[in-house]
Amino acid sequence: MLYFSSDYLEGCHPAILDKLQETNLDQTPGYGHDVWCDLARERIREAVGKPNAAVHFLTGGTQANFAVIRSVLRSCEAVIAAQSGHIVDHEAGAVEACGHKVLTLPAECGKISAEQIAALVEKYRSDDAADFAVQPGMVYISHPTEWGTLYTRNELQAIHAVCCSFGIPLFIDGARLGYGLAAEGTDVTLKDIADCADVFYIGGTKVGALFGEAVVITNPGIMKNFFTTMKQSGAVLAKGRLLGIQFAVLFENDRYMEAGRHAIRLASRLRDALAEKGYEFYMPPESNQLFLKLTNDQFRRLKASVVFSFIDRLSDDEVVIRLVTGWATTPENVERLISIL
């Protein structure tokens, strides 16, 4: 079987495994107060261009999302997100379990706009009964989105400007950020992300790490006592150096970006081959996630030899599937998949 269902099926980048083995019996303080976490923070601050940013390491994306959101919001506030956002349908109600509502907006190819956000906030604030309603307290977006699509720099800057005008922070989920930054034709850099977001995270789990996400806080005033909130959320790893080592390695010698570029090169090869063979894309193929329309017969035949993600049924004879390349995908397996297709 060929596996193209996700980008976190393998363990970790060999350089990380080597460093974990090399440092296995070293003794360091716990909870992220060690030399490796300090080194990782230093390298991340340099990469994002924010020397004073706070950097915290958590083990997974859902954990990062709900820890950040519950840290930012007051009890009467909600988070704005796309209807297709990861926090809406893929995190078992983690945000709601923290006591916060998610206010959803219809998305265009996975993205929401500055105009939509402004209209929603203005509606709430102009309502005569606003004091009786949950208040929009922050905005959550993903880059890339759940559909693998990408915001442009202008779109991010416009959302950032709207958030600033209303005094609400912008949180960018970067679970697959490395693939978005390496995508063909993108004009968004890591420093652009840091300039636009009050808080964001650099995904490691899906981009070469064994596990882990690096939360970067560029506006510390919105998140008092975040470490304590992390601890209360069960999000502080006692052996914190295991996270620090991974991000220190990923942000050495451009490994993080090269991991993204590798996946994008193979996704582009697959995209072009699919187009040549006449397959129809359900969403514009902009990063490492490719969404295809298949007939029932195509679906059954592909399923016999390829593991992929079933996304939706469009009609009695048409479904949507997802094929994903990652940092460890091999060119040989991509060519095998193309041959099967």
C-alpha atoms as a PDB file:
ATOM      1  CA  MET A   1       0.000   0.000   0.000  1.00  0.00           C
ATOM      2  CA  LEU A   2       1.037   3.577  -0.689  1.00  0.00           C
ATOM      3  CA  TYR A   3       0.296   6.100   2.045  1.00  0.00           C
ATOM      4  CA  PHE A   4      -0.749   9.607   0.997  1.00  0.00           C
ATOM      5  CA  SER A   5      -3.318  10.280   3.715  1.00  0.00           C
ATOM      6  CA  SER A   6      -1.336  12.811   5.767  1.00  0.00           C
ATOM      7  CA  ASP A   7       2.026  14.451   6.384  1.00  0.00           C
ATOM      8  CA  TYR A   8       2.695  13.069   9.876  1.00  0.00           C
ATOM      9  CA  LEU A   9       2.762   9.336   9.205  1.00  0.00           C
ATOM     10  CA  GLU A  10       6.510   8.961   9.707  1.00  0.00           C
ATOM     11  CA  GLY A  11       8.610   9.582  12.829  1.00  0.00           C
ATOM     12  CA  CYS A  12      10.944  12.547  12.499  1.00  0.00           C
ATOM     13  CA  HIS A  13      13.761  14.081  10.474  1.00  0.00           C
ATOM     14  CA  PRO A  14      16.919  11.936  10.841  1.00  0.00           C
ATOM     15  CA  ALA A  15      18.866  14.915  12.189  1.00  0.00           C
ATOM     16  CA  ILE A  16      16.381  15.184  15.065  1.00  0.00           C
ATOM     17  CA  LEU A  17      16.633  11.481  15.827  1.00  0.00           C
ATOM     18  CA  ASP A  18      20.437  11.718  15.841  1.00  0.00           C
ATOM     19  CA  LYS A  19      20.371  14.667  18.254  1.00  0.00           C
ATOM     20  CA  LEU A  20      17.858  12.986  20.560  1.00  0.00           C
ATOM     21  CA  GLN A  21      20.080   9.908  20.693  1.00  0.00           C
ATOM     22  CA  GLU A  22      23.219  12.001  21.224  1.00  0.00           C
ATOM     23  CA  THR A  23      21.681  13.890  24.152  1.00  0.00           C
ATOM     24  CA  ASN A  24      19.610  11.031  25.565  1.00  0.00           C
ATOM     25  CA  LEU A  25      21.479  10.714  28.866  1.00  0.00           C
ATOM     26  CA  ASP A  26      22.144  14.420  29.366  1.00  0.00           C
ATOM     27  CA  GLN A  27      20.620  15.902  32.503  1.00  0.00           C
ATOM     28  CA  THR A  28      18.776  19.203  32.161  1.00  0.00           C
ATOM     29  CA  PRO A  29      16.165  21.155  34.132  1.00  0.00           C
ATOM     30  CA  GLY A  30      12.559  20.372  33.251  1.00  0.00           C
ATOM     31  CA  TYR A  31       9.511  22.204  31.922  1.00  0.00           C
ATOM     32  CA  GLY A  32      11.331  24.025  29.115  1.00  0.00           C
ATOM     33  CA  HIS A  33      13.902  25.718  31.354  1.00  0.00           C
ATOM     34  CA  ASP A  34      16.901  24.136  29.628  1.00  0.00           C
ATOM     35  CA  VAL A  35      19.645  25.095  27.200  1.00  0.00           C
ATOM     36  CA  TRP A  36      17.973  23.368  24.243  1.00  0.00           C
ATOM     37  CA  CYS A  37      14.692  25.243  24.627  1.00  0.00           C
ATOM     38  CA  ASP A  38      16.672  28.464  25.043  1.00  0.00           C
ATOM     39  CA  LEU A  39      18.592  27.728  21.835  1.00  0.00           C
ATOM     40  CA  ALA A  40      15.396  26.902  19.957  1.00  0.00           C
ATOM     41  CA  ARG A  41      13.780  30.127  21.170  1.00  0.00           C
ATOM     42  CA  GLU A  42      16.795  32.134  20.037  1.00  0.00           C
ATOM     43  CA  ARG A  43      16.739  30.571  16.566  1.00  0.00           C
ATOM     44  CA  ILE A  44      12.980  31.018  16.173  1.00  0.00           C
ATOM     45  CA  ARG A  45      13.125  34.667  17.275  1.00  0.00           C
ATOM     46  CA  GLU A  46      15.820  35.282  14.687  1.00  0.00           C
ATOM     47  CA  ALA A  47      13.850  33.495  11.965  1.00  0.00           C
ATOM     48  CA  VAL A  48      10.631  35.441  12.649  1.00  0.00           C
ATOM     49  CA  GLY A  49      12.433  38.753  13.132  1.00  0.00           C
ATOM     50  CA  LYS A  50      11.016  39.356  16.614  1.00  0.00           C
ATOM     51  CA  PRO A  51      13.847  39.440  19.194  1.00  0.00           C
ATOM     52  CA  ASN A  52      11.427  40.064  22.064  1.00  0.00           C
ATOM     53  CA  ALA A  53       8.808  37.455  21.149  1.00  0.00           C
ATOM     54  CA  ALA A  54       7.829  34.909  23.787  1.00  0.00           C
ATOM     55  CA  VAL A  55       8.189  31.314  22.533  1.00  0.00           C
ATOM     56  CA  HIS A  56       6.569  28.324  24.208  1.00  0.00           C
ATOM     57  CA  PHE A  57       6.682  24.668  23.174  1.00  0.00           C
ATOM     58  CA  LEU A  58       3.602  22.421  23.261  1.00  0.00           C
ATOM     59  CA  THR A  59       3.166  18.861  22.082  1.00  0.00           C
ATOM     60  CA  GLY A  60       0.303  19.132  19.559  1.00  0.00           C
ATOM     61  CA  GLY A  61      -1.934  21.376  17.497  1.00  0.00           C
ATOM     62  CA  THR A  62      -5.215  20.911  19.356  1.00  0.00           C
ATOM     63  CA  GLN A  63      -3.403  21.518  22.618  1.00  0.00           C
ATOM     64  CA  ALA A  64      -1.820  24.695  21.231  1.00  0.00           C
ATOM     65  CA  ASN A  65      -5.123  25.966  19.859  1.00  0.00           C
ATOM     66  CA  PHE A  66      -7.203  25.614  22.998  1.00  0.00           C
ATOM     67  CA  ALA A  67      -4.394  26.742  25.343  1.00  0.00           C
ATOM     68  CA  VAL A  68      -3.860  29.927  23.328  1.00  0.00           C
ATOM     69  CA  ILE A  69      -7.576  30.665  22.909  1.00  0.00           C
ATOM     70  CA  ARG A  70      -8.478  30.146  26.564  1.00  0.00           C
ATOM     71  CA  SER A  71      -5.494  32.279  27.570  1.00  0.00           C
ATOM     72  CA  VAL A  72      -6.565  35.204  25.365  1.00  0.00           C
ATOM     73  CA  LEU A  73     -10.328  35.243  25.892  1.00  0.00           C
ATOM     74  CA  ARG A  74     -12.302  36.419  28.884  1.00  0.00           C
ATOM     75  CA  SER A  75     -15.192  34.242  29.997  1.00  0.00           C
ATOM     76  CA  CYS A  76     -17.773  36.285  28.052  1.00  0.00           C
ATOM     77  CA  GLU A  77     -15.810  36.301  24.777  1.00  0.00           C
ATOM     78  CA  ALA A  78     -15.802  34.072  21.677  1.00  0.00           C
ATOM     79  CA  VAL A  79     -13.380  33.335  18.863  1.00  0.00           C
ATOM     80  CA  ILE A  80     -14.172  34.029  15.199  1.00  0.00           C
ATOM     81  CA  ALA A  81     -13.213  31.285  12.738  1.00  0.00           C
ATOM     82  CA  ALA A  82     -14.030  29.918   9.293  1.00  0.00           C
ATOM     83  CA  GLN A  83     -16.787  27.324   9.251  1.00  0.00           C
ATOM     84  CA  SER A  84     -14.183  24.905   7.892  1.00  0.00           C
ATOM     85  CA  GLY A  85     -11.623  25.839  10.562  1.00  0.00           C
ATOM     86  CA  HIS A  86      -9.818  23.088  12.434  1.00  0.00           C
ATOM     87  CA  ILE A  87     -11.139  24.251  15.812  1.00  0.00           C
ATOM     88  CA  VAL A  88     -14.714  23.949  14.520  1.00  0.00           C
ATOM     89  CA  ASP A  89     -14.985  20.345  13.380  1.00  0.00           C
ATOM     90  CA  HIS A  90     -11.711  18.543  14.107  1.00  0.00           C
ATOM     91  CA  GLU A  91     -10.894  19.116  17.767  1.00  0.00           C
ATOM     92  CA  ALA A  92     -13.783  17.416  19.574  1.00  0.00           C
ATOM     93  CA  GLY A  93     -15.121  20.709  20.912  1.00  0.00           C
ATOM     94  CA  ALA A  94     -11.894  21.522  22.778  1.00  0.00           C
ATOM     95  CA  VAL A  95     -12.523  25.271  22.601  1.00  0.00           C
ATOM     96  CA  GLU A  96     -16.149  24.895  23.699  1.00  0.00           C
ATOM     97  CA  ALA A  97     -15.016  22.622  26.530  1.00  0.00           C
ATOM     98  CA  CYS A  98     -12.931  25.556  27.761  1.00  0.00           C
ATOM     99  CA  GLY A  99     -16.148  27.574  27.998  1.00  0.00           C
ATOM    100  CA  HIS A 100     -15.811  29.630  24.821  1.00  0.00           C
ATOM    101  CA  LYS A 101     -18.096  29.834  21.819  1.00  0.00           C
ATOM    102  CA  VAL A 102     -16.785  29.675  18.237  1.00  0.00           C
ATOM    103  CA  LEU A 103     -18.442  32.218  15.930  1.00  0.00           C
ATOM    104  CA  THR A 104     -18.189  30.824  12.415  1.00  0.00           C
ATOM    105  CA  LEU A 105     -18.084  32.569   9.059  1.00  0.00           C
ATOM    106  CA  PRO A 106     -18.665  30.964   5.641  1.00  0.00           C
ATOM    107  CA  ALA A 107     -15.324  30.438   3.936  1.00  0.00           C
ATOM    108  CA  GLU A 108     -14.279  30.887   0.330  1.00  0.00           C
ATOM    109  CA  CYS A 109     -11.838  28.058  -0.447  1.00  0.00           C
ATOM    110  CA  GLY A 110     -11.148  27.791   3.283  1.00  0.00           C
ATOM    111  CA  LYS A 111     -10.443  31.493   3.791  1.00  0.00           C
ATOM    112  CA  ILE A 112     -12.316  34.285   5.532  1.00  0.00           C
ATOM    113  CA  SER A 113     -11.881  37.961   4.687  1.00  0.00           C
ATOM    114  CA  ALA A 114     -11.269  41.180   6.547  1.00  0.00           C
ATOM    115  CA  GLU A 115     -14.662  42.421   5.346  1.00  0.00           C
ATOM    116  CA  GLN A 116     -16.474  39.414   6.841  1.00  0.00           C
ATOM    117  CA  ILE A 117     -14.731  39.873  10.172  1.00  0.00           C
ATOM    118  CA  ALA A 118     -15.527  43.584  10.258  1.00  0.00           C
ATOM    119  CA  ALA A 119     -19.195  42.968   9.452  1.00  0.00           C
ATOM    120  CA  LEU A 120     -19.529  40.351  12.198  1.00  0.00           C
ATOM    121  CA  VAL A 121     -17.896  42.502  14.885  1.00  0.00           C
ATOM    122  CA  GLU A 122     -19.827  45.612  13.864  1.00  0.00           C
ATOM    123  CA  LYS A 123     -23.095  43.677  14.016  1.00  0.00           C
ATOM    124  CA  TYR A 124     -22.388  42.530  17.554  1.00  0.00           C
ATOM    125  CA  ARG A 125     -21.210  45.922  18.760  1.00  0.00           C
ATOM    126  CA  SER A 126     -24.134  47.840  17.237  1.00  0.00           C
ATOM    127  CA  ASP A 127     -26.753  45.506  18.687  1.00  0.00           C
ATOM    128  CA  ASP A 128     -28.862  47.164  21.402  1.00  0.00           C
ATOM    129  CA  ALA A 129     -28.678  43.865  23.288  1.00  0.00           C
ATOM    130  CA  ALA A 130     -24.903  43.520  22.901  1.00  0.00           C
ATOM    131  CA  ASP A 131     -24.406  43.382  26.667  1.00  0.00           C
ATOM    132  CA  PHE A 132     -26.454  40.183  26.716  1.00  0.00           C
ATOM    133  CA  ALA A 133     -24.484  38.455  23.936  1.00  0.00           C
ATOM    134  CA  VAL A 134     -21.163  36.664  23.815  1.00  0.00           C
ATOM    135  CA  GLN A 135     -18.600  39.128  22.460  1.00  0.00           C
ATOM    136  CA  PRO A 136     -16.156  38.511  19.586  1.00  0.00           C
ATOM    137  CA  GLY A 137     -12.790  38.501  21.347  1.00  0.00           C
ATOM    138  CA  MET A 138     -10.266  37.194  18.827  1.00  0.00           C
ATOM    139  CA  VAL A 139      -9.870  35.891  15.274  1.00  0.00           C
ATOM    140  CA  TYR A 140      -8.515  32.453  14.372  1.00  0.00           C
ATOM    141  CA  ILE A 141      -7.281  31.528  10.886  1.00  0.00           C
ATOM    142  CA  SER A 142      -5.028  28.783   9.521  1.00  0.00           C
ATOM    143  CA  HIS A 143      -2.209  29.141   7.008  1.00  0.00           C
ATOM    144  CA  PRO A 144      -2.448  26.936   5.003  1.00  0.00           C
ATOM    145  CA  THR A 145      -6.183  26.481   5.508  1.00  0.00           C
ATOM    146  CA  GLU A 146      -7.932  23.157   6.054  1.00  0.00           C
ATOM    147  CA  TRP A 147      -8.347  23.033   2.271  1.00  0.00           C
ATOM    148  CA  GLY A 148      -4.639  23.566   1.621  1.00  0.00           C
ATOM    149  CA  THR A 149      -5.241  27.078   0.298  1.00  0.00           C
ATOM    150  CA  LEU A 150      -3.122  30.102   1.143  1.00  0.00           C
ATOM    151  CA  TYR A 151      -3.706  33.650   2.248  1.00  0.00           C
ATOM    152  CA  THR A 152      -1.817  36.345   0.369  1.00  0.00           C
ATOM    153  CA  ARG A 153       0.238  38.970   2.166  1.00  0.00           C
ATOM    154  CA  ASN A 154      -2.403  41.597   1.334  1.00  0.00           C
ATOM    155  CA  GLU A 155      -5.176  39.414   2.751  1.00  0.00           C
ATOM    156  CA  LEU A 156      -3.258  38.828   5.985  1.00  0.00           C
ATOM    157  CA  GLN A 157      -2.428  42.506   6.315  1.00  0.00           C
ATOM    158  CA  ALA A 158      -6.072  43.444   5.753  1.00  0.00           C
ATOM    159  CA  ILE A 159      -7.245  40.993   8.443  1.00  0.00           C
ATOM    160  CA  HIS A 160      -4.554  42.287  10.776  1.00  0.00           C
ATOM    161  CA  ALA A 161      -5.665  45.885  10.175  1.00  0.00           C
ATOM    162  CA  VAL A 162      -9.309  45.044  10.905  1.00  0.00           C
ATOM    163  CA  CYS A 163      -8.349  43.230  14.099  1.00  0.00           C
ATOM    164  CA  CYS A 164      -6.273  46.228  15.206  1.00  0.00           C
ATOM    165  CA  SER A 165      -9.138  48.603  14.462  1.00  0.00           C
ATOM    166  CA  PHE A 166     -11.437  46.634  16.772  1.00  0.00           C
ATOM    167  CA  GLY A 167      -8.776  45.900  19.365  1.00  0.00           C
ATOM    168  CA  ILE A 168      -9.034  42.120  19.018  1.00  0.00           C
ATOM    169  CA  PRO A 169      -6.007  39.845  18.517  1.00  0.00           C
ATOM    170  CA  LEU A 170      -5.294  37.654  15.496  1.00  0.00           C
ATOM    171  CA  PHE A 171      -4.207  34.051  16.064  1.00  0.00           C
ATOM    172  CA  ILE A 172      -2.723  32.081  13.151  1.00  0.00           C
ATOM    173  CA  ASP A 173      -2.710  28.286  13.310  1.00  0.00           C
ATOM    174  CA  GLY A 174       0.490  27.164  11.598  1.00  0.00           C
ATOM    175  CA  ALA A 175       0.173  23.399  11.890  1.00  0.00           C
ATOM    176  CA  ARG A 176       1.347  23.123   8.259  1.00  0.00           C
ATOM    177  CA  LEU A 177       3.061  26.510   8.118  1.00  0.00           C
ATOM    178  CA  GLY A 178       6.263  25.131   6.580  1.00  0.00           C
ATOM    179  CA  TYR A 179       4.370  23.932   3.527  1.00  0.00           C
ATOM    180  CA  GLY A 180       2.549  27.233   3.134  1.00  0.00           C
ATOM    181  CA  LEU A 181       5.772  29.232   3.308  1.00  0.00           C
ATOM    182  CA  ALA A 182       7.426  26.976   0.705  1.00  0.00           C
ATOM    183  CA  ALA A 183       4.478  26.941  -1.703  1.00  0.00           C
ATOM    184  CA  GLU A 184       4.910  28.022  -5.305  1.00  0.00           C
ATOM    185  CA  GLY A 185       3.949  31.631  -5.935  1.00  0.00           C
ATOM    186  CA  THR A 186       3.294  32.586  -2.310  1.00  0.00           C
ATOM    187  CA  ASP A 187       4.303  36.088  -1.263  1.00  0.00           C
ATOM    188  CA  VAL A 188       4.002  35.325   2.481  1.00  0.00           C
ATOM    189  CA  THR A 189       7.160  34.876   4.554  1.00  0.00           C
ATOM    190  CA  LEU A 190       7.637  33.795   8.153  1.00  0.00           C
ATOM    191  CA  LYS A 191       8.337  37.408   9.068  1.00  0.00           C
ATOM    192  CA  ASP A 192       5.042  38.448   7.428  1.00  0.00           C
ATOM    193  CA  ILE A 193       3.227  35.937   9.637  1.00  0.00           C
ATOM    194  CA  ALA A 194       4.950  37.361  12.712  1.00  0.00           C
ATOM    195  CA  ASP A 195       4.129  40.936  11.666  1.00  0.00           C
ATOM    196  CA  CYS A 196       0.437  40.193  11.151  1.00  0.00           C
ATOM    197  CA  ALA A 197      -0.314  37.836  14.061  1.00  0.00           C
ATOM    198  CA  ASP A 198      -0.485  38.701  17.738  1.00  0.00           C
ATOM    199  CA  VAL A 199       0.168  35.012  18.352  1.00  0.00           C
ATOM    200  CA  PHE A 200       0.827  32.115  15.999  1.00  0.00           C
ATOM    201  CA  TYR A 201       2.424  28.732  16.087  1.00  0.00           C
ATOM    202  CA  ILE A 202       5.022  27.002  13.983  1.00  0.00           C
ATOM    203  CA  GLY A 203       3.895  23.445  13.380  1.00  0.00           C
ATOM    204  CA  GLY A 204       6.472  20.736  13.951  1.00  0.00           C
ATOM    205  CA  THR A 205       4.339  17.589  14.160  1.00  0.00           C
ATOM    206  CA  LYS A 206       3.432  17.759  10.460  1.00  0.00           C
ATOM    207  CA  VAL A 207       6.715  19.285   9.259  1.00  0.00           C
ATOM    208  CA  GLY A 208       9.504  16.980  10.374  1.00  0.00           C
ATOM    209  CA  ALA A 209       9.305  16.843  14.167  1.00  0.00           C
ATOM    210  CA  LEU A 210       8.492  13.737  16.165  1.00  0.00           C
ATOM    211  CA  PHE A 211       5.882  15.930  17.876  1.00  0.00           C
ATOM    212  CA  GLY A 212       5.549  19.536  18.931  1.00  0.00           C
ATOM    213  CA  GLU A 213       4.409  23.053  18.065  1.00  0.00           C
ATOM    214  CA  ALA A 214       6.184  26.328  18.850  1.00  0.00           C
ATOM    215  CA  VAL A 215       3.781  29.050  19.997  1.00  0.00           C
ATOM    216  CA  VAL A 216       5.170  32.513  19.217  1.00  0.00           C
ATOM    217  CA  ILE A 217       3.630  35.465  21.053  1.00  0.00           C
ATOM    218  CA  THR A 218       4.459  38.795  19.427  1.00  0.00           C
ATOM    219  CA  ASN A 219       1.970  40.778  21.539  1.00  0.00           C
ATOM    220  CA  PRO A 220       2.547  39.578  25.119  1.00  0.00           C
ATOM    221  CA  GLY A 221      -0.012  42.000  26.524  1.00  0.00           C
ATOM    222  CA  ILE A 222      -2.889  39.812  25.312  1.00  0.00           C
ATOM    223  CA  MET A 223      -1.734  36.662  27.121  1.00  0.00           C
ATOM    224  CA  LYS A 224      -0.955  37.123  30.790  1.00  0.00           C
ATOM    225  CA  ASN A 225       0.408  34.081  32.608  1.00  0.00           C
ATOM    226  CA  PHE A 226       0.443  31.892  29.508  1.00  0.00           C
ATOM    227  CA  PHE A 227       2.826  29.347  31.009  1.00  0.00           C
ATOM    228  CA  THR A 228       0.461  28.920  33.971  1.00  0.00           C
ATOM    229  CA  THR A 229      -2.466  28.495  31.568  1.00  0.00           C
ATOM    230  CA  MET A 230      -0.421  25.877  29.714  1.00  0.00           C
ATOM    231  CA  LYS A 231       0.187  24.002  32.958  1.00  0.00           C
ATOM    232  CA  GLN A 232      -3.488  24.174  33.897  1.00  0.00           C
ATOM    233  CA  SER A 233      -4.310  22.818  30.420  1.00  0.00           C
ATOM    234  CA  GLY A 234      -1.979  19.845  30.788  1.00  0.00           C
ATOM    235  CA  ALA A 235       0.227  21.365  28.093  1.00  0.00           C
ATOM    236  CA  VAL A 236       3.588  21.573  29.877  1.00  0.00           C
ATOM    237  CA  LEU A 237       5.968  18.700  29.138  1.00  0.00           C
ATOM    238  CA  ALA A 238       8.183  17.801  32.102  1.00  0.00           C
ATOM    239  CA  LYS A 239      10.960  16.651  29.766  1.00  0.00           C
ATOM    240  CA  GLY A 240      10.699  19.924  27.877  1.00  0.00           C
ATOM    241  CA  ARG A 241      14.108  19.593  26.312  1.00  0.00           C
ATOM    242  CA  LEU A 242      12.668  16.951  23.953  1.00  0.00           C
ATOM    243  CA  LEU A 243      10.700  19.765  22.311  1.00  0.00           C
ATOM    244  CA  GLY A 244      13.560  22.243  22.436  1.00  0.00           C
ATOM    245  CA  ILE A 245      15.972  19.843  20.746  1.00  0.00           C
ATOM    246  CA  GLN A 246      13.555  19.245  17.879  1.00  0.00           C
ATOM    247  CA  PHE A 247      12.977  22.914  17.105  1.00  0.00           C
ATOM    248  CA  ALA A 248      16.643  23.781  17.585  1.00  0.00           C
ATOM    249  CA  VAL A 249      17.459  21.185  14.916  1.00  0.00           C
ATOM    250  CA  LEU A 250      14.632  22.210  12.570  1.00  0.00           C
ATOM    251  CA  PHE A 251      15.737  25.845  12.696  1.00  0.00           C
ATOM    252  CA  GLU A 252      19.361  25.011  11.997  1.00  0.00           C
ATOM    253  CA  ASN A 253      20.711  25.056   8.426  1.00  0.00           C
ATOM    254  CA  ASP A 254      17.278  25.941   6.975  1.00  0.00           C
ATOM    255  CA  ARG A 255      15.906  22.438   7.713  1.00  0.00           C
ATOM    256  CA  TYR A 256      12.370  23.623   8.418  1.00  0.00           C
ATOM    257  CA  MET A 257      12.033  25.417   5.102  1.00  0.00           C
ATOM    258  CA  GLU A 258      13.733  22.612   3.188  1.00  0.00           C
ATOM    259  CA  ALA A 259      11.256  20.132   4.667  1.00  0.00           C
ATOM    260  CA  GLY A 260       8.475  22.310   3.291  1.00  0.00           C
ATOM    261  CA  ARG A 261      10.120  22.755  -0.099  1.00  0.00           C
ATOM    262  CA  HIS A 262      10.601  18.988  -0.467  1.00  0.00           C
ATOM    263  CA  ALA A 263       6.888  18.309   0.055  1.00  0.00           C
ATOM    264  CA  ILE A 264       5.872  21.135  -2.280  1.00  0.00           C
ATOM    265  CA  ARG A 265       8.144  19.886  -5.075  1.00  0.00           C
ATOM    266  CA  LEU A 266       6.494  16.465  -4.917  1.00  0.00           C
ATOM    267  CA  ALA A 267       2.980  17.919  -4.566  1.00  0.00           C
ATOM    268  CA  SER A 268       3.639  20.010  -7.680  1.00  0.00           C
ATOM    269  CA  ARG A 269       4.790  16.939  -9.600  1.00  0.00           C
ATOM    270  CA  LEU A 270       1.633  15.103  -8.533  1.00  0.00           C
ATOM    271  CA  ARG A 271      -0.583  18.103  -9.309  1.00  0.00           C
ATOM    272  CA  ASP A 272       0.783  18.430 -12.839  1.00  0.00           C
ATOM    273  CA  ALA A 273       0.399  14.706 -13.511  1.00  0.00           C
ATOM    274  CA  LEU A 274      -3.187  14.753 -12.258  1.00  0.00           C
ATOM    275  CA  ALA A 275      -4.010  17.698 -14.501  1.00  0.00           C
ATOM    276  CA  GLU A 276      -2.464  15.928 -17.488  1.00  0.00           C
ATOM    277  CA  LYS A 277      -4.575  12.844 -16.781  1.00  0.00           C
ATOM    278  CA  GLY A 278      -7.760  14.916 -16.688  1.00  0.00           C
ATOM    279  CA  TYR A 279      -8.581  14.742 -12.991  1.00  0.00           C
ATOM    280  CA  GLU A 280     -10.651  17.584 -11.545  1.00  0.00           C
ATOM    281  CA  PHE A 281      -9.527  19.386  -8.397  1.00  0.00           C
ATOM    282  CA  TYR A 282     -12.167  20.206  -5.803  1.00  0.00           C
ATOM    283  CA  MET A 283     -10.042  23.035  -4.360  1.00  0.00           C
ATOM    284  CA  PRO A 284      -7.223  25.013  -5.977  1.00  0.00           C
ATOM    285  CA  PRO A 285      -4.022  22.988  -5.332  1.00  0.00           C
ATOM    286  CA  GLU A 286      -1.833  25.547  -3.592  1.00  0.00           C
ATOM    287  CA  SER A 287       0.236  23.639  -1.031  1.00  0.00           C
ATOM    288  CA  ASN A 288       0.904  20.004  -0.103  1.00  0.00           C
ATOM    289  CA  GLN A 289      -2.756  18.947   0.124  1.00  0.00           C
ATOM    290  CA  LEU A 290      -4.510  17.973  -3.109  1.00  0.00           C
ATOM    291  CA  PHE A 291      -8.295  17.558  -3.135  1.00  0.00           C
ATOM    292  CA  LEU A 292      -9.685  15.526  -6.028  1.00  0.00           C
ATOM    293  CA  LYS A 293     -13.094  14.605  -7.366  1.00  0.00           C
ATOM    294  CA  LEU A 294     -13.455  10.893  -8.137  1.00  0.00           C
ATOM    295  CA  THR A 295     -16.231   8.688  -9.413  1.00  0.00           C
ATOM    296  CA  ASN A 296     -17.241   5.745  -7.255  1.00  0.00           C
ATOM    297  CA  ASP A 297     -15.370   3.397  -9.590  1.00  0.00           C
ATOM    298  CA  GLN A 298     -12.188   5.489  -9.465  1.00  0.00           C
ATOM    299  CA  PHE A 299     -12.513   5.662  -5.693  1.00  0.00           C
ATOM    300  CA  ARG A 300     -12.802   1.883  -5.325  1.00  0.00           C
ATOM    301  CA  ARG A 301      -9.891   1.151  -7.652  1.00  0.00           C
ATOM    302  CA  LEU A 302      -7.585   3.689  -6.007  1.00  0.00           C
ATOM    303  CA  LYS A 303      -8.505   2.468  -2.529  1.00  0.00           C
ATOM    304  CA  ALA A 304      -7.223  -1.007  -3.414  1.00  0.00           C
ATOM    305  CA  SER A 305      -3.606   0.156  -3.404  1.00  0.00           C
ATOM    306  CA  VAL A 306      -3.457   3.676  -1.929  1.00  0.00           C
ATOM    307  CA  VAL A 307      -4.300   5.007   1.537  1.00  0.00           C
ATOM    308  CA  PHE A 308      -5.821   8.498   1.315  1.00  0.00           C
ATOM    309  CA  SER A 309      -8.407  10.619   3.132  1.00  0.00           C
ATOM    310  CA  PHE A 310     -12.094  10.497   2.230  1.00  0.00           C
ATOM    311  CA  ILE A 311     -13.449  14.035   2.535  1.00  0.00           C
ATOM    312  CA  ASP A 312     -17.020  14.226   1.275  1.00  0.00           C
ATOM    313  CA  ARG A 313     -19.639  12.743  -1.018  1.00  0.00           C
ATOM    314  CA  LEU A 314     -20.845  15.234  -3.628  1.00  0.00           C
ATOM    315  CA  SER A 315     -23.445  13.017  -5.340  1.00  0.00           C
ATOM    316  CA  ASP A 316     -24.427   9.394  -5.794  1.00  0.00           C
ATOM    317  CA  ASP A 317     -21.425   8.886  -8.086  1.00  0.00           C
ATOM    318  CA  GLU A 318     -18.888  11.512  -7.029  1.00  0.00           C
ATOM    319  CA  VAL A 319     -16.693  11.875  -3.954  1.00  0.00           C
ATOM    320  CA  VAL A 320     -13.884  14.145  -2.782  1.00  0.00           C
ATOM    321  CA  ILE A 321     -10.609  12.709  -1.531  1.00  0.00           C
ATOM    322  CA  ARG A 322      -7.375  14.221  -0.254  1.00  0.00           C
ATOM    323  CA  LEU A 323      -3.830  13.256  -1.222  1.00  0.00           C
ATOM    324  CA  VAL A 324      -1.018  14.707   0.890  1.00  0.00           C
ATOM    325  CA  THR A 325       2.748  14.888   0.449  1.00  0.00           C
ATOM    326  CA  GLY A 326       5.074  15.549   3.365  1.00  0.00           C
ATOM    327  CA  TRP A 327       8.647  16.103   4.432  1.00  0.00           C
ATOM    328  CA  ALA A 328       9.385  12.347   4.166  1.00  0.00           C
ATOM    329  CA  THR A 329       7.479  11.511   0.969  1.00  0.00           C
ATOM    330  CA  THR A 330       9.756   9.904  -1.605  1.00  0.00           C
ATOM    331  CA  PRO A 331       9.847  10.725  -5.325  1.00  0.00           C
ATOM    332  CA  GLU A 332       9.610   6.995  -6.025  1.00  0.00           C
ATOM    333  CA  ASN A 333       6.280   6.704  -4.214  1.00  0.00           C
ATOM    334  CA  VAL A 334       4.924   9.751  -6.031  1.00  0.00           C
ATOM    335  CA  GLU A 335       5.823   8.136  -9.371  1.00  0.00           C
ATOM    336  CA  ARG A 336       4.163   4.894  -8.269  1.00  0.00           C
ATOM    337  CA  LEU A 337       1.017   6.817  -7.333  1.00  0.00           C
ATOM    338  CA  ILE A 338       1.007   8.595 -10.695  1.00  0.00           C
ATOM    339  CA  SER A 339       1.322   5.250 -12.441  1.00  0.00           C
ATOM    340  CA  ILE A 340      -1.652   3.863 -10.486  1.00  0.00           C
ATOM    341  CA  LEU A 341      -3.723   6.944 -11.251  1.00  0.00           C
END
